[in-house]
Amino acid sequence: MVNSKVGVAVSGLSTDGTRLVKFLREESSRAEFVYDLIASPSKLASRIAKSLQVSNIVR
C-alpha cells in the first residue's frame, strides 16, 4: 500500500516492484509533507511515468 488511496500490485521481478513502490511512497510522503494533501492516483501515475521515461532516455 502506498497511501490510503493507492495500492500496488506488481508482477515480474520483485526488485523492480520494490523500487517502484519505494518511489511511489516517497512521492506520496512528499505531497503530504509539502501540500498537506494525499497524493491522487493520477498524480502518482504521472510522476512514475515521467521518471521511467527520463531514465530510458538518459541511457
N, C-alpha and C. Protein backbone atom coordinates (compact mmCIF):
# COMPACT_ATOMS: atom_id res chain seq x y z
N MET A 1 0.84 -1.17 0.00
CA MET A 1 0.00 0.00 0.00
C MET A 1 0.89 1.25 0.00
N VAL A 2 0.59 2.16 -0.88
CA VAL A 2 1.37 3.39 -1.00
C VAL A 2 0.84 4.45 -0.03
N ASN A 3 -0.45 4.70 -0.09
CA ASN A 3 -1.11 5.60 0.87
C ASN A 3 -2.54 5.12 1.06
N SER A 4 -3.39 5.91 1.71
CA SER A 4 -4.74 5.44 1.99
C SER A 4 -5.63 5.34 0.75
N LYS A 5 -5.19 5.90 -0.37
CA LYS A 5 -5.97 5.84 -1.62
C LYS A 5 -5.36 4.92 -2.67
N VAL A 6 -4.11 4.54 -2.52
CA VAL A 6 -3.40 3.85 -3.59
C VAL A 6 -2.76 2.56 -3.09
N GLY A 7 -3.02 1.49 -3.81
CA GLY A 7 -2.35 0.22 -3.58
C GLY A 7 -1.68 -0.21 -4.87
N VAL A 8 -0.73 -1.11 -4.78
CA VAL A 8 0.03 -1.51 -5.96
C VAL A 8 0.11 -3.03 -6.03
N ALA A 9 -0.08 -3.56 -7.23
CA ALA A 9 0.16 -4.97 -7.49
C ALA A 9 1.19 -5.06 -8.60
N VAL A 10 2.20 -5.90 -8.41
CA VAL A 10 3.30 -5.97 -9.37
C VAL A 10 3.53 -7.42 -9.76
N SER A 11 3.73 -7.64 -11.05
CA SER A 11 4.13 -8.97 -11.49
C SER A 11 5.49 -8.84 -12.17
N GLY A 12 6.25 -9.88 -12.15
CA GLY A 12 7.58 -9.81 -12.74
C GLY A 12 8.63 -9.84 -11.66
N LEU A 13 9.71 -9.13 -11.88
CA LEU A 13 10.81 -9.12 -10.92
C LEU A 13 10.43 -8.35 -9.66
N SER A 14 10.61 -8.98 -8.52
CA SER A 14 10.22 -8.34 -7.27
C SER A 14 11.08 -7.12 -6.96
N THR A 15 12.32 -7.13 -7.39
CA THR A 15 13.17 -5.97 -7.12
C THR A 15 12.68 -4.73 -7.88
N ASP A 16 12.17 -4.93 -9.10
CA ASP A 16 11.60 -3.81 -9.85
C ASP A 16 10.36 -3.27 -9.15
N GLY A 17 9.52 -4.18 -8.68
CA GLY A 17 8.32 -3.78 -7.97
C GLY A 17 8.64 -3.05 -6.68
N THR A 18 9.63 -3.53 -5.96
CA THR A 18 10.05 -2.89 -4.72
C THR A 18 10.54 -1.47 -4.98
N ARG A 19 11.29 -1.31 -6.04
CA ARG A 19 11.82 0.02 -6.40
C ARG A 19 10.68 0.98 -6.76
N LEU A 20 9.70 0.49 -7.53
CA LEU A 20 8.56 1.34 -7.90
C LEU A 20 7.74 1.74 -6.68
N VAL A 21 7.48 0.78 -5.80
CA VAL A 21 6.69 1.07 -4.60
C VAL A 21 7.43 2.06 -3.71
N LYS A 22 8.73 1.90 -3.58
CA LYS A 22 9.52 2.84 -2.77
C LYS A 22 9.42 4.26 -3.35
N PHE A 23 9.55 4.38 -4.67
CA PHE A 23 9.44 5.68 -5.33
C PHE A 23 8.06 6.29 -5.09
N LEU A 24 7.00 5.49 -5.24
CA LEU A 24 5.64 6.00 -5.05
C LEU A 24 5.40 6.42 -3.61
N ARG A 25 5.92 5.68 -2.66
CA ARG A 25 5.77 6.06 -1.25
C ARG A 25 6.48 7.37 -0.95
N GLU A 26 7.67 7.55 -1.53
CA GLU A 26 8.40 8.80 -1.33
C GLU A 26 7.64 9.97 -1.93
N GLU A 27 7.09 9.80 -3.13
CA GLU A 27 6.32 10.86 -3.77
C GLU A 27 5.05 11.18 -2.96
N SER A 28 4.42 10.15 -2.45
CA SER A 28 3.22 10.33 -1.63
C SER A 28 3.55 11.08 -0.34
N SER A 29 4.63 10.70 0.30
CA SER A 29 5.06 11.37 1.52
C SER A 29 5.42 12.83 1.26
N ARG A 30 6.08 13.07 0.14
CA ARG A 30 6.45 14.43 -0.23
C ARG A 30 5.20 15.30 -0.42
N ALA A 31 4.19 14.76 -1.09
CA ALA A 31 2.95 15.52 -1.31
C ALA A 31 2.25 15.82 0.02
N GLU A 32 2.24 14.84 0.91
CA GLU A 32 1.61 15.07 2.21
C GLU A 32 2.37 16.09 3.03
N PHE A 33 3.69 16.06 2.98
CA PHE A 33 4.50 16.99 3.76
C PHE A 33 4.42 18.42 3.19
N VAL A 34 4.57 18.55 1.88
CA VAL A 34 4.63 19.87 1.26
C VAL A 34 3.25 20.51 1.13
N TYR A 35 2.28 19.74 0.64
CA TYR A 35 0.96 20.30 0.34
C TYR A 35 -0.11 19.94 1.36
N ASP A 36 0.21 19.06 2.30
CA ASP A 36 -0.75 18.59 3.30
C ASP A 36 -1.97 17.94 2.63
N LEU A 37 -1.70 17.22 1.53
CA LEU A 37 -2.74 16.52 0.79
C LEU A 37 -2.30 15.09 0.51
N ILE A 38 -3.26 14.21 0.40
CA ILE A 38 -2.95 12.84 -0.01
C ILE A 38 -2.80 12.85 -1.53
N ALA A 39 -1.72 12.31 -2.02
CA ALA A 39 -1.45 12.28 -3.47
C ALA A 39 -2.50 11.43 -4.17
N SER A 40 -3.03 11.94 -5.26
CA SER A 40 -4.03 11.21 -6.02
C SER A 40 -3.37 10.13 -6.87
N PRO A 41 -4.11 9.08 -7.19
CA PRO A 41 -3.55 8.02 -8.04
C PRO A 41 -3.07 8.55 -9.39
N SER A 42 -3.81 9.48 -9.98
CA SER A 42 -3.40 10.01 -11.29
C SER A 42 -2.09 10.80 -11.19
N LYS A 43 -1.91 11.55 -10.12
CA LYS A 43 -0.67 12.32 -9.94
C LYS A 43 0.51 11.38 -9.74
N LEU A 44 0.31 10.32 -8.95
CA LEU A 44 1.39 9.35 -8.74
C LEU A 44 1.73 8.61 -10.03
N ALA A 45 0.70 8.26 -10.81
CA ALA A 45 0.94 7.58 -12.09
C ALA A 45 1.72 8.47 -13.04
N SER A 46 1.39 9.75 -13.04
CA SER A 46 2.10 10.70 -13.89
C SER A 46 3.56 10.82 -13.48
N ARG A 47 3.83 10.90 -12.18
CA ARG A 47 5.20 11.03 -11.69
C ARG A 47 6.04 9.79 -12.01
N ILE A 48 5.46 8.60 -11.85
CA ILE A 48 6.23 7.38 -12.12
C ILE A 48 6.46 7.24 -13.63
N ALA A 49 5.49 7.64 -14.45
CA ALA A 49 5.67 7.56 -15.91
C ALA A 49 6.78 8.50 -16.36
N LYS A 50 6.80 9.73 -15.83
CA LYS A 50 7.85 10.67 -16.18
C LYS A 50 9.22 10.16 -15.73
N SER A 51 9.26 9.60 -14.55
CA SER A 51 10.51 9.07 -14.02
C SER A 51 11.06 7.95 -14.89
N LEU A 52 10.20 7.03 -15.30
CA LEU A 52 10.64 5.90 -16.12
C LEU A 52 11.03 6.36 -17.52
N GLN A 53 10.33 7.33 -18.07
CA GLN A 53 10.65 7.81 -19.40
C GLN A 53 12.01 8.52 -19.40
N VAL A 54 12.26 9.32 -18.42
CA VAL A 54 13.54 10.04 -18.33
C VAL A 54 14.69 9.05 -18.17
N SER A 55 14.52 8.02 -17.34
CA SER A 55 15.60 7.07 -17.14
C SER A 55 15.90 6.27 -18.41
N ASN A 56 14.90 6.04 -19.25
CA ASN A 56 15.12 5.32 -20.50
C ASN A 56 15.79 6.21 -21.55
N ILE A 57 15.51 7.49 -21.53
CA ILE A 57 16.11 8.42 -22.49
C ILE A 57 17.58 8.65 -22.17
N VAL A 58 17.91 8.72 -20.90
CA VAL A 58 19.28 9.03 -20.47
C VAL A 58 20.23 7.90 -20.82
N ARG A 59 19.79 6.68 -20.81
CA ARG A 59 20.66 5.54 -21.06
C ARG A 59 21.26 5.62 -22.38
